[in-house]
C-alpha cells in the first residue's frame, strides 16, 4: 500500500481531532509526545515492546504493519496540527 497524500492525512486527522471534546483534545495533546515515541519504538524495535503489547491484551505478531514512511507522514501532520499542551 502506498503512502496517502498529505492532504488526505491532514483532512482525516483534522476531522477526527475536531470531533473530540475539549478535554479529549487536551488529553491527546498532552499524550502525543508519548504516543509518538512509543509508535517510533514499535516500528524500529517491536521486540522491546512485546511485554507492553501483551499487557494491553494484544499479540505483537498479529498487529497490522505500518511502514516508517507512512508513520512519518502521519506524525509530520500531527506534529503541525496538534496544539501544544501549553496552548490550552
N, C-alpha and C. Protein backbone atom coordinates (compact mmCIF):
# COMPACT_ATOMS: atom_id res chain seq x y z
N UNK A 1 0.84 -1.18 0.00
CA UNK A 1 0.00 0.00 0.00
C UNK A 1 0.89 1.24 0.00
N UNK A 2 0.61 2.17 -0.87
CA UNK A 2 1.40 3.39 -0.97
C UNK A 2 1.01 4.40 0.08
N UNK A 3 1.81 5.41 0.16
CA UNK A 3 1.57 6.49 1.11
C UNK A 3 0.38 7.33 0.64
N UNK A 4 -0.42 7.76 1.59
CA UNK A 4 -1.56 8.62 1.29
C UNK A 4 -1.07 10.05 1.07
N UNK A 5 -1.76 10.80 0.22
CA UNK A 5 -1.39 12.21 0.08
C UNK A 5 -1.52 12.93 1.42
N UNK A 6 -0.61 13.85 1.67
CA UNK A 6 -0.61 14.57 2.95
C UNK A 6 -1.94 15.27 3.17
N UNK A 7 -2.55 15.79 2.12
CA UNK A 7 -3.83 16.48 2.28
C UNK A 7 -4.91 15.54 2.80
N UNK A 8 -4.90 14.27 2.37
CA UNK A 8 -5.86 13.28 2.86
C UNK A 8 -5.61 12.98 4.33
N UNK A 9 -4.34 12.86 4.70
CA UNK A 9 -4.00 12.58 6.09
C UNK A 9 -4.43 13.75 6.96
N UNK A 10 -4.14 14.96 6.50
CA UNK A 10 -4.49 16.17 7.25
C UNK A 10 -6.01 16.26 7.43
N UNK A 11 -6.75 16.01 6.36
CA UNK A 11 -8.22 16.08 6.44
C UNK A 11 -8.77 15.05 7.42
N UNK A 12 -8.28 13.82 7.34
CA UNK A 12 -8.76 12.77 8.24
C UNK A 12 -8.43 13.07 9.69
N UNK A 13 -7.20 13.51 9.94
CA UNK A 13 -6.80 13.84 11.31
C UNK A 13 -7.61 15.01 11.84
N UNK A 14 -7.76 16.06 11.04
CA UNK A 14 -8.50 17.24 11.48
C UNK A 14 -9.94 16.89 11.80
N UNK A 15 -10.56 16.08 10.96
CA UNK A 15 -11.94 15.67 11.20
C UNK A 15 -12.03 14.89 12.51
N UNK A 16 -11.11 13.96 12.72
CA UNK A 16 -11.12 13.17 13.96
C UNK A 16 -10.87 14.07 15.16
N UNK A 17 -9.85 14.91 15.12
CA UNK A 17 -9.49 15.76 16.27
C UNK A 17 -10.62 16.72 16.60
N UNK A 18 -11.23 17.30 15.58
CA UNK A 18 -12.32 18.25 15.81
C UNK A 18 -13.55 17.58 16.42
N UNK A 19 -13.68 16.27 16.24
CA UNK A 19 -14.83 15.57 16.81
C UNK A 19 -14.66 15.29 18.30
N UNK A 20 -13.46 15.48 18.82
CA UNK A 20 -13.20 15.23 20.24
C UNK A 20 -13.70 16.40 21.08
N UNK A 21 -14.05 16.09 22.32
CA UNK A 21 -14.40 17.16 23.26
C UNK A 21 -13.13 17.97 23.57
N UNK A 22 -13.30 19.14 24.15
CA UNK A 22 -12.14 19.97 24.50
C UNK A 22 -11.22 19.23 25.46
N UNK A 23 -11.79 18.51 26.42
CA UNK A 23 -10.96 17.75 27.37
C UNK A 23 -10.18 16.64 26.66
N UNK A 24 -10.84 15.95 25.73
CA UNK A 24 -10.15 14.89 24.99
C UNK A 24 -9.08 15.46 24.07
N UNK A 25 -9.32 16.62 23.49
CA UNK A 25 -8.30 17.27 22.67
C UNK A 25 -7.07 17.60 23.52
N UNK A 26 -7.30 18.12 24.72
CA UNK A 26 -6.19 18.45 25.60
C UNK A 26 -5.45 17.19 26.03
N UNK A 27 -6.21 16.14 26.34
CA UNK A 27 -5.58 14.87 26.74
C UNK A 27 -4.71 14.33 25.60
N UNK A 28 -5.21 14.40 24.38
CA UNK A 28 -4.42 13.93 23.24
C UNK A 28 -3.17 14.77 23.06
N UNK A 29 -3.31 16.08 23.16
CA UNK A 29 -2.15 16.97 23.02
C UNK A 29 -1.10 16.64 24.08
N UNK A 30 -1.55 16.38 25.30
CA UNK A 30 -0.63 16.03 26.38
C UNK A 30 0.06 14.69 26.12
N UNK A 31 -0.71 13.75 25.56
CA UNK A 31 -0.20 12.38 25.37
C UNK A 31 0.59 12.22 24.07
N UNK A 32 0.43 13.12 23.11
CA UNK A 32 1.04 12.96 21.79
C UNK A 32 2.54 12.67 21.85
N UNK A 33 3.34 13.38 22.64
CA UNK A 33 4.78 13.05 22.66
C UNK A 33 5.05 11.60 23.09
N UNK A 34 4.26 11.09 24.02
CA UNK A 34 4.44 9.70 24.47
C UNK A 34 3.98 8.72 23.40
N UNK A 35 2.86 9.03 22.77
CA UNK A 35 2.34 8.18 21.69
C UNK A 35 3.36 8.11 20.55
N UNK A 36 3.88 9.26 20.19
CA UNK A 36 4.84 9.32 19.08
C UNK A 36 6.09 8.50 19.39
N UNK A 37 6.61 8.67 20.58
CA UNK A 37 7.83 7.93 20.96
C UNK A 37 7.59 6.43 20.94
N UNK A 38 6.46 5.98 21.49
CA UNK A 38 6.17 4.54 21.51
C UNK A 38 5.91 4.00 20.11
N UNK A 39 5.25 4.77 19.28
CA UNK A 39 5.00 4.32 17.90
C UNK A 39 6.31 4.17 17.14
N UNK A 40 7.22 5.10 17.34
CA UNK A 40 8.51 5.01 16.68
C UNK A 40 9.30 3.79 17.17
N UNK A 41 9.22 3.50 18.46
CA UNK A 41 9.88 2.31 19.00
C UNK A 41 9.23 1.05 18.44
N UNK A 42 7.92 1.05 18.34
CA UNK A 42 7.20 -0.10 17.80
C UNK A 42 7.64 -0.39 16.37
N UNK A 43 7.88 0.65 15.61
CA UNK A 43 8.32 0.46 14.22
C UNK A 43 9.76 -0.02 14.12
N UNK A 44 10.60 0.44 15.02
CA UNK A 44 12.03 0.14 14.89
C UNK A 44 12.50 -1.00 15.77
N UNK A 45 11.76 -1.32 16.84
CA UNK A 45 12.19 -2.35 17.78
C UNK A 45 10.98 -2.98 18.47
N UNK A 46 10.14 -3.64 17.66
CA UNK A 46 8.89 -4.20 18.18
C UNK A 46 9.15 -5.18 19.33
N UNK A 47 10.25 -5.92 19.25
CA UNK A 47 10.54 -6.90 20.30
C UNK A 47 10.63 -6.26 21.68
N UNK A 48 11.15 -5.05 21.75
CA UNK A 48 11.27 -4.38 23.06
C UNK A 48 9.92 -3.96 23.61
N UNK A 49 8.90 -3.95 22.76
CA UNK A 49 7.56 -3.53 23.17
C UNK A 49 6.64 -4.71 23.44
N UNK A 50 7.11 -5.94 23.25
CA UNK A 50 6.24 -7.12 23.36
C UNK A 50 5.51 -7.19 24.68
N UNK A 51 6.21 -6.96 25.78
CA UNK A 51 5.57 -7.02 27.09
C UNK A 51 4.44 -6.03 27.23
N UNK A 52 4.65 -4.81 26.78
CA UNK A 52 3.61 -3.78 26.85
C UNK A 52 2.44 -4.12 25.94
N UNK A 53 2.75 -4.67 24.78
CA UNK A 53 1.69 -5.06 23.84
C UNK A 53 0.84 -6.17 24.46
N UNK A 54 1.50 -7.15 25.05
CA UNK A 54 0.77 -8.25 25.69
C UNK A 54 -0.02 -7.76 26.90
N UNK A 55 0.52 -6.81 27.66
CA UNK A 55 -0.21 -6.23 28.79
C UNK A 55 -1.51 -5.56 28.34
N UNK A 56 -1.51 -5.09 27.11
CA UNK A 56 -2.71 -4.46 26.55
C UNK A 56 -3.68 -5.50 26.00
N UNK A 57 -3.32 -6.78 26.12
CA UNK A 57 -4.20 -7.85 25.65
C UNK A 57 -4.07 -8.14 24.16
N UNK A 58 -2.98 -7.71 23.56
CA UNK A 58 -2.77 -7.92 22.13
C UNK A 58 -1.62 -8.87 21.89
N UNK A 59 -1.58 -9.42 20.70
CA UNK A 59 -0.49 -10.29 20.27
C UNK A 59 0.37 -9.50 19.29
N UNK A 60 1.62 -9.29 19.65
CA UNK A 60 2.52 -8.48 18.82
C UNK A 60 2.63 -9.03 17.40
N UNK A 61 2.52 -10.34 17.25
CA UNK A 61 2.65 -10.95 15.93
C UNK A 61 1.44 -10.65 15.04
N UNK A 62 0.32 -10.26 15.65
CA UNK A 62 -0.90 -10.02 14.89
C UNK A 62 -1.18 -8.54 14.65
N UNK A 63 -0.29 -7.67 15.11
CA UNK A 63 -0.51 -6.24 14.88
C UNK A 63 -0.36 -5.93 13.40
N UNK A 64 -1.20 -5.03 12.90
CA UNK A 64 -1.05 -4.65 11.49
C UNK A 64 0.25 -3.89 11.30
N UNK A 65 0.79 -4.01 10.14
CA UNK A 65 2.04 -3.33 9.84
C UNK A 65 1.82 -1.88 9.44
N UNK A 66 2.86 -1.12 9.55
CA UNK A 66 2.86 0.27 9.11
C UNK A 66 4.28 0.58 8.68
N UNK A 67 4.42 1.13 7.52
CA UNK A 67 5.77 1.46 7.07
C UNK A 67 6.26 2.71 7.80
N UNK A 68 7.56 2.82 7.91
CA UNK A 68 8.13 4.02 8.53
C UNK A 68 7.75 5.26 7.71
N UNK A 69 7.66 5.11 6.41
CA UNK A 69 7.28 6.23 5.54
C UNK A 69 5.86 6.71 5.85
N UNK A 70 4.92 5.75 6.00
CA UNK A 70 3.55 6.14 6.32
C UNK A 70 3.46 6.75 7.71
N UNK A 71 4.18 6.17 8.69
CA UNK A 71 4.18 6.73 10.03
C UNK A 71 4.73 8.15 10.03
N UNK A 72 5.82 8.37 9.32
CA UNK A 72 6.42 9.70 9.27
C UNK A 72 5.43 10.70 8.67
N UNK A 73 4.71 10.32 7.64
CA UNK A 73 3.73 11.22 7.03
C UNK A 73 2.64 11.59 8.03
N UNK A 74 2.15 10.60 8.77
CA UNK A 74 1.13 10.87 9.77
C UNK A 74 1.68 11.73 10.91
N UNK A 75 2.84 11.35 11.43
CA UNK A 75 3.44 12.10 12.55
C UNK A 75 3.74 13.54 12.15
N UNK A 76 4.21 13.74 10.94
CA UNK A 76 4.50 15.11 10.49
C UNK A 76 3.24 15.96 10.47
N UNK A 77 2.13 15.39 10.05
CA UNK A 77 0.86 16.12 10.03
C UNK A 77 0.42 16.43 11.47
N UNK A 78 0.46 15.42 12.33
CA UNK A 78 0.01 15.63 13.70
C UNK A 78 0.90 16.63 14.42
N UNK A 79 2.21 16.55 14.21
CA UNK A 79 3.13 17.50 14.86
C UNK A 79 2.74 18.94 14.55
N UNK A 80 2.32 19.20 13.33
CA UNK A 80 1.97 20.56 12.92
C UNK A 80 0.59 20.95 13.47
N UNK A 81 -0.35 20.00 13.48
CA UNK A 81 -1.74 20.35 13.79
C UNK A 81 -2.13 20.23 15.26
N UNK A 82 -1.50 19.34 16.00
CA UNK A 82 -1.92 19.18 17.40
C UNK A 82 -1.39 20.38 18.19
N UNK A 83 -2.29 21.01 18.92
CA UNK A 83 -1.83 22.15 19.73
C UNK A 83 -0.89 21.66 20.82
N UNK A 84 0.11 22.44 21.13
CA UNK A 84 0.96 22.10 22.27
C UNK A 84 0.11 22.15 23.53
N UNK A 85 0.38 21.29 24.48
CA UNK A 85 -0.45 21.25 25.68
C UNK A 85 -0.46 22.60 26.39
N UNK A 86 0.58 23.40 26.19
CA UNK A 86 0.62 24.72 26.83
C UNK A 86 -0.34 25.72 26.17
N UNK A 87 -0.90 25.36 25.01
CA UNK A 87 -1.82 26.26 24.32
C UNK A 87 -3.24 26.15 24.85
N UNK A 88 -3.50 25.24 25.79
CA UNK A 88 -4.84 25.11 26.35
C UNK A 88 -4.98 25.97 27.57
